[in-house]
Each structure stands twice: as structure tokens, then as C-alpha cells.
N, C-alpha and C. Protein backbone atom coordinates (compact mmCIF):
# COMPACT_ATOMS: atom_id res chain seq x y z
N MET A 1 28.56 -38.29 141.38
CA MET A 1 29.81 -38.97 141.11
C MET A 1 29.62 -40.47 141.06
N GLN A 2 28.84 -40.98 142.00
CA GLN A 2 28.65 -42.42 142.04
C GLN A 2 27.90 -42.92 140.82
N ARG A 3 26.93 -42.17 140.36
CA ARG A 3 26.19 -42.58 139.17
C ARG A 3 27.08 -42.66 137.93
N SER A 4 28.06 -41.77 137.87
CA SER A 4 28.96 -41.76 136.71
C SER A 4 30.08 -42.79 136.84
N GLY A 5 30.17 -43.43 138.00
CA GLY A 5 31.21 -44.44 138.20
C GLY A 5 32.49 -43.89 138.80
N ALA A 6 32.55 -42.58 139.03
CA ALA A 6 33.73 -41.99 139.65
C ALA A 6 33.72 -42.30 141.15
N LYS A 7 34.88 -42.67 141.67
CA LYS A 7 34.97 -43.01 143.09
C LYS A 7 35.58 -41.84 143.86
N PRO A 8 34.82 -41.28 144.79
CA PRO A 8 35.35 -40.17 145.59
C PRO A 8 36.59 -40.59 146.37
N ASP A 9 37.56 -39.69 146.45
CA ASP A 9 38.76 -39.96 147.24
C ASP A 9 38.75 -39.05 148.47
N HIS A 10 39.83 -39.07 149.23
CA HIS A 10 39.86 -38.29 150.47
C HIS A 10 39.73 -36.79 150.19
N VAL A 11 40.25 -36.32 149.08
CA VAL A 11 40.15 -34.89 148.74
C VAL A 11 38.69 -34.51 148.51
N THR A 12 37.95 -35.38 147.86
CA THR A 12 36.52 -35.13 147.63
C THR A 12 35.77 -35.03 148.95
N LEU A 13 36.04 -35.96 149.85
CA LEU A 13 35.34 -35.95 151.14
C LEU A 13 35.67 -34.71 151.95
N VAL A 14 36.95 -34.31 151.94
CA VAL A 14 37.36 -33.11 152.68
C VAL A 14 36.70 -31.87 152.10
N SER A 15 36.37 -31.91 150.82
CA SER A 15 35.68 -30.78 150.18
C SER A 15 34.19 -30.75 150.46
N VAL A 16 33.58 -31.93 150.61
CA VAL A 16 32.13 -32.02 150.77
C VAL A 16 31.69 -31.86 152.23
N LEU A 17 32.49 -32.34 153.16
CA LEU A 17 32.09 -32.30 154.58
C LEU A 17 31.84 -30.89 155.11
N PRO A 18 32.62 -29.87 154.74
CA PRO A 18 32.28 -28.52 155.21
C PRO A 18 30.91 -28.04 154.74
N ALA A 19 30.49 -28.47 153.55
CA ALA A 19 29.15 -28.10 153.07
C ALA A 19 28.09 -28.74 153.97
N CYS A 20 28.31 -29.98 154.37
CA CYS A 20 27.38 -30.64 155.30
C CYS A 20 27.31 -29.86 156.61
N ALA A 21 28.47 -29.42 157.08
CA ALA A 21 28.52 -28.67 158.33
C ALA A 21 27.75 -27.36 158.21
N ARG A 22 27.96 -26.62 157.13
CA ARG A 22 27.27 -25.34 156.94
C ARG A 22 25.77 -25.52 156.82
N LEU A 23 25.34 -26.60 156.20
CA LEU A 23 23.91 -26.86 156.02
C LEU A 23 23.26 -27.56 157.21
N GLY A 24 24.07 -28.03 158.14
CA GLY A 24 23.54 -28.79 159.26
C GLY A 24 23.04 -30.15 158.81
N ALA A 25 23.63 -30.68 157.75
CA ALA A 25 23.20 -31.96 157.16
C ALA A 25 23.90 -33.12 157.86
N LEU A 26 23.50 -33.36 159.10
CA LEU A 26 24.14 -34.38 159.92
C LEU A 26 24.01 -35.78 159.32
N GLU A 27 22.85 -36.12 158.81
CA GLU A 27 22.65 -37.46 158.24
C GLU A 27 23.53 -37.68 157.02
N MET A 28 23.67 -36.67 156.18
CA MET A 28 24.56 -36.79 155.02
C MET A 28 26.01 -36.93 155.49
N GLY A 29 26.37 -36.18 156.52
CA GLY A 29 27.72 -36.30 157.09
C GLY A 29 27.97 -37.69 157.65
N ARG A 30 26.97 -38.26 158.29
CA ARG A 30 27.11 -39.64 158.79
C ARG A 30 27.29 -40.63 157.65
N TRP A 31 26.55 -40.40 156.56
CA TRP A 31 26.69 -41.27 155.39
C TRP A 31 28.11 -41.19 154.83
N ILE A 32 28.64 -39.97 154.76
CA ILE A 32 30.01 -39.78 154.27
C ILE A 32 31.01 -40.45 155.21
N HIS A 33 30.76 -40.37 156.51
CA HIS A 33 31.62 -41.04 157.49
C HIS A 33 31.62 -42.55 157.22
N ALA A 34 30.44 -43.13 157.03
CA ALA A 34 30.34 -44.56 156.74
C ALA A 34 31.05 -44.91 155.43
N PHE A 35 30.90 -44.04 154.42
CA PHE A 35 31.58 -44.25 153.14
C PHE A 35 33.10 -44.25 153.35
N ALA A 36 33.58 -43.28 154.12
CA ALA A 36 35.02 -43.19 154.39
C ALA A 36 35.51 -44.44 155.11
N ASP A 37 34.72 -44.93 156.04
CA ASP A 37 35.08 -46.14 156.77
C ASP A 37 35.13 -47.35 155.83
N ARG A 38 34.10 -47.52 155.01
CA ARG A 38 34.04 -48.65 154.07
C ARG A 38 35.19 -48.62 153.05
N ASN A 39 35.67 -47.43 152.74
CA ASN A 39 36.70 -47.28 151.71
C ASN A 39 38.08 -46.98 152.29
N SER A 40 38.26 -47.28 153.57
CA SER A 40 39.56 -47.14 154.26
C SER A 40 40.16 -45.74 154.13
N LEU A 41 39.31 -44.71 154.28
CA LEU A 41 39.79 -43.34 154.19
C LEU A 41 39.93 -42.67 155.56
N LEU A 42 39.62 -43.41 156.63
CA LEU A 42 39.71 -42.82 157.97
C LEU A 42 41.14 -42.77 158.50
N GLY A 43 42.08 -43.29 157.73
CA GLY A 43 43.48 -43.16 158.08
C GLY A 43 44.05 -41.82 157.67
N GLU A 44 43.28 -41.08 156.89
CA GLU A 44 43.69 -39.74 156.42
C GLU A 44 43.31 -38.71 157.48
N THR A 45 44.29 -38.05 158.04
CA THR A 45 44.05 -37.05 159.09
C THR A 45 43.10 -35.96 158.62
N GLN A 46 43.23 -35.55 157.36
CA GLN A 46 42.36 -34.48 156.84
C GLN A 46 40.90 -34.90 156.84
N VAL A 47 40.62 -36.14 156.52
CA VAL A 47 39.24 -36.63 156.52
C VAL A 47 38.71 -36.64 157.95
N CYS A 48 39.50 -37.13 158.87
CA CYS A 48 39.08 -37.17 160.28
C CYS A 48 38.85 -35.77 160.82
N ASN A 49 39.73 -34.83 160.47
CA ASN A 49 39.56 -33.44 160.90
C ASN A 49 38.25 -32.87 160.38
N ALA A 50 37.95 -33.14 159.11
CA ALA A 50 36.71 -32.64 158.51
C ALA A 50 35.49 -33.26 159.19
N LEU A 51 35.60 -34.53 159.58
CA LEU A 51 34.49 -35.18 160.29
C LEU A 51 34.30 -34.59 161.68
N VAL A 52 35.39 -34.35 162.40
CA VAL A 52 35.29 -33.74 163.73
C VAL A 52 34.62 -32.37 163.62
N GLU A 53 35.04 -31.59 162.65
CA GLU A 53 34.45 -30.25 162.48
C GLU A 53 32.98 -30.34 162.08
N MET A 54 32.65 -31.25 161.16
CA MET A 54 31.27 -31.40 160.72
C MET A 54 30.38 -31.81 161.89
N TYR A 55 30.80 -32.82 162.65
CA TYR A 55 30.00 -33.26 163.80
C TYR A 55 29.84 -32.12 164.81
N SER A 56 30.91 -31.39 165.07
CA SER A 56 30.85 -30.27 166.02
C SER A 56 29.87 -29.20 165.56
N LYS A 57 30.00 -28.81 164.30
CA LYS A 57 29.14 -27.74 163.79
C LYS A 57 27.68 -28.16 163.68
N CYS A 58 27.45 -29.47 163.53
CA CYS A 58 26.07 -29.97 163.48
C CYS A 58 25.51 -30.22 164.88
N GLY A 59 26.32 -29.96 165.91
CA GLY A 59 25.85 -30.08 167.28
C GLY A 59 25.99 -31.47 167.89
N SER A 60 26.67 -32.37 167.22
CA SER A 60 26.85 -33.71 167.75
C SER A 60 28.25 -33.84 168.36
N LEU A 61 28.40 -33.26 169.54
CA LEU A 61 29.71 -33.27 170.19
C LEU A 61 30.16 -34.68 170.59
N ARG A 62 29.21 -35.53 170.90
CA ARG A 62 29.56 -36.91 171.27
C ARG A 62 30.25 -37.60 170.09
N GLU A 63 29.67 -37.47 168.89
CA GLU A 63 30.27 -38.09 167.71
C GLU A 63 31.58 -37.41 167.33
N ALA A 64 31.67 -36.10 167.53
CA ALA A 64 32.92 -35.38 167.25
C ALA A 64 34.02 -35.92 168.16
N ARG A 65 33.71 -36.08 169.44
CA ARG A 65 34.71 -36.57 170.39
C ARG A 65 35.10 -38.01 170.09
N GLN A 66 34.13 -38.83 169.72
CA GLN A 66 34.44 -40.22 169.35
C GLN A 66 35.38 -40.27 168.15
N MET A 67 35.11 -39.45 167.15
CA MET A 67 35.98 -39.40 165.97
C MET A 67 37.36 -38.93 166.37
N PHE A 68 37.42 -37.89 167.18
CA PHE A 68 38.71 -37.35 167.64
C PHE A 68 39.49 -38.42 168.40
N ASP A 69 38.83 -39.13 169.30
CA ASP A 69 39.51 -40.15 170.10
C ASP A 69 40.02 -41.32 169.26
N ARG A 70 39.35 -41.61 168.15
CA ARG A 70 39.73 -42.75 167.30
C ARG A 70 40.76 -42.39 166.23
N MET A 71 41.08 -41.12 166.10
CA MET A 71 42.02 -40.71 165.05
C MET A 71 43.37 -41.37 165.25
N PRO A 72 43.94 -41.92 164.18
CA PRO A 72 45.26 -42.54 164.32
C PRO A 72 46.36 -41.49 164.55
N ARG A 73 46.19 -40.29 163.99
CA ARG A 73 47.14 -39.20 164.19
C ARG A 73 46.34 -37.90 164.34
N ARG A 74 46.83 -37.04 165.22
CA ARG A 74 46.20 -35.73 165.40
C ARG A 74 47.22 -34.65 165.10
N ASP A 75 46.75 -33.58 164.50
CA ASP A 75 47.61 -32.43 164.26
C ASP A 75 46.96 -31.20 164.89
N VAL A 76 47.53 -30.04 164.62
CA VAL A 76 47.00 -28.81 165.22
C VAL A 76 45.57 -28.53 164.74
N VAL A 77 45.24 -28.93 163.53
CA VAL A 77 43.88 -28.75 163.01
C VAL A 77 42.91 -29.64 163.78
N SER A 78 43.33 -30.84 164.10
CA SER A 78 42.49 -31.77 164.88
C SER A 78 42.12 -31.15 166.22
N TRP A 79 43.14 -30.68 166.92
CA TRP A 79 42.91 -30.07 168.24
C TRP A 79 42.06 -28.81 168.13
N SER A 80 42.33 -28.00 167.13
CA SER A 80 41.56 -26.76 166.95
C SER A 80 40.09 -27.05 166.66
N ALA A 81 39.84 -28.05 165.83
CA ALA A 81 38.45 -28.40 165.50
C ALA A 81 37.71 -28.88 166.75
N MET A 82 38.37 -29.72 167.56
CA MET A 82 37.71 -30.26 168.74
C MET A 82 37.50 -29.17 169.80
N ILE A 83 38.52 -28.39 170.05
CA ILE A 83 38.41 -27.31 171.05
C ILE A 83 37.40 -26.27 170.60
N GLY A 84 37.44 -25.89 169.32
CA GLY A 84 36.49 -24.91 168.79
C GLY A 84 35.06 -25.40 168.88
N GLY A 85 34.84 -26.68 168.59
CA GLY A 85 33.50 -27.25 168.68
C GLY A 85 32.97 -27.24 170.10
N LEU A 86 33.83 -27.60 171.04
CA LEU A 86 33.42 -27.59 172.45
C LEU A 86 33.12 -26.16 172.91
N ALA A 87 33.98 -25.24 172.55
CA ALA A 87 33.79 -23.85 172.96
C ALA A 87 32.52 -23.26 172.34
N HIS A 88 32.28 -23.56 171.08
CA HIS A 88 31.10 -23.04 170.39
C HIS A 88 29.80 -23.47 171.08
N HIS A 89 29.82 -24.63 171.67
CA HIS A 89 28.62 -25.15 172.33
C HIS A 89 28.67 -24.98 173.85
N GLY A 90 29.55 -24.07 174.31
CA GLY A 90 29.59 -23.74 175.72
C GLY A 90 30.15 -24.83 176.61
N ARG A 91 30.98 -25.70 176.05
CA ARG A 91 31.53 -26.81 176.82
C ARG A 91 33.00 -26.61 177.16
N ALA A 92 33.48 -25.38 177.02
CA ALA A 92 34.88 -25.09 177.35
C ALA A 92 34.98 -24.71 178.81
N ARG A 93 35.99 -25.21 179.44
CA ARG A 93 36.23 -24.85 180.84
C ARG A 93 37.14 -23.63 180.88
N PRO A 94 36.88 -22.72 181.79
CA PRO A 94 37.78 -21.56 181.89
C PRO A 94 39.18 -22.02 182.30
N TRP A 95 40.16 -21.40 181.70
CA TRP A 95 41.54 -21.73 182.03
C TRP A 95 41.96 -20.85 183.19
N SER A 96 42.61 -21.45 184.14
CA SER A 96 43.12 -20.65 185.25
C SER A 96 44.57 -20.34 184.98
N CYS A 97 44.87 -19.10 185.00
CA CYS A 97 46.25 -18.65 184.77
C CYS A 97 46.78 -18.06 186.06
N SER A 98 47.69 -18.75 186.65
CA SER A 98 48.28 -18.21 187.88
C SER A 98 49.72 -17.79 187.57
N ARG A 99 50.06 -16.65 188.06
CA ARG A 99 51.42 -16.13 187.85
C ARG A 99 52.17 -16.19 189.16
N PRO A 100 53.44 -16.54 189.08
CA PRO A 100 54.26 -16.60 190.31
C PRO A 100 54.44 -15.26 190.97
């Protein structure tokens, strides 16, 4: 896209980041994160959600948490991506359910 002069938008990034996650292409995901930052796309909740999921699936929970903490807005997808990433890597705490 860049060679042809087309400028990726937030929809493009949201489409490409899951491929990075599936391939474990952490460095490419980091490059996309930097691109999103340079092009003011980190205000888009969908882009941030895709980054949280990509970092989680690539095993970089620290970067996933940093992205999650810096998000300007969080939705149910944001929380699900972060919780799912933590759980997948064995970082979920058991919930205690006490009944009266």
C-alpha cells in the first residue's frame, strides 16, 4: 500500500493486526503500533483493541497492559481482549464466589 501511495486508515490496521497475532509477528505489530501513533490513529478504540489482542497473543503482556492502560476509551472488547490475554498466559486470578 505504501509503495502505491495509498495511506492505510484505522480499518486497514484493524484488519492487519489479527494476522500479526496469528503469525506471532510481534515486530511487525510494533511497527504498525508506531505507524498508528505517528498518524494519530490511537484515538480509535478499535485500533487499540486490536493492538491489545495482538500483543497478548504474541506473548507480550506488558505491552498489552500498557496499551490497555493508555486507551482513551475502553469498551467490552477492550476488557475481553485484556482478560483473555491474561487468562491465556495463566495470569488470571481465581474468582472467589461467596454466597450468603
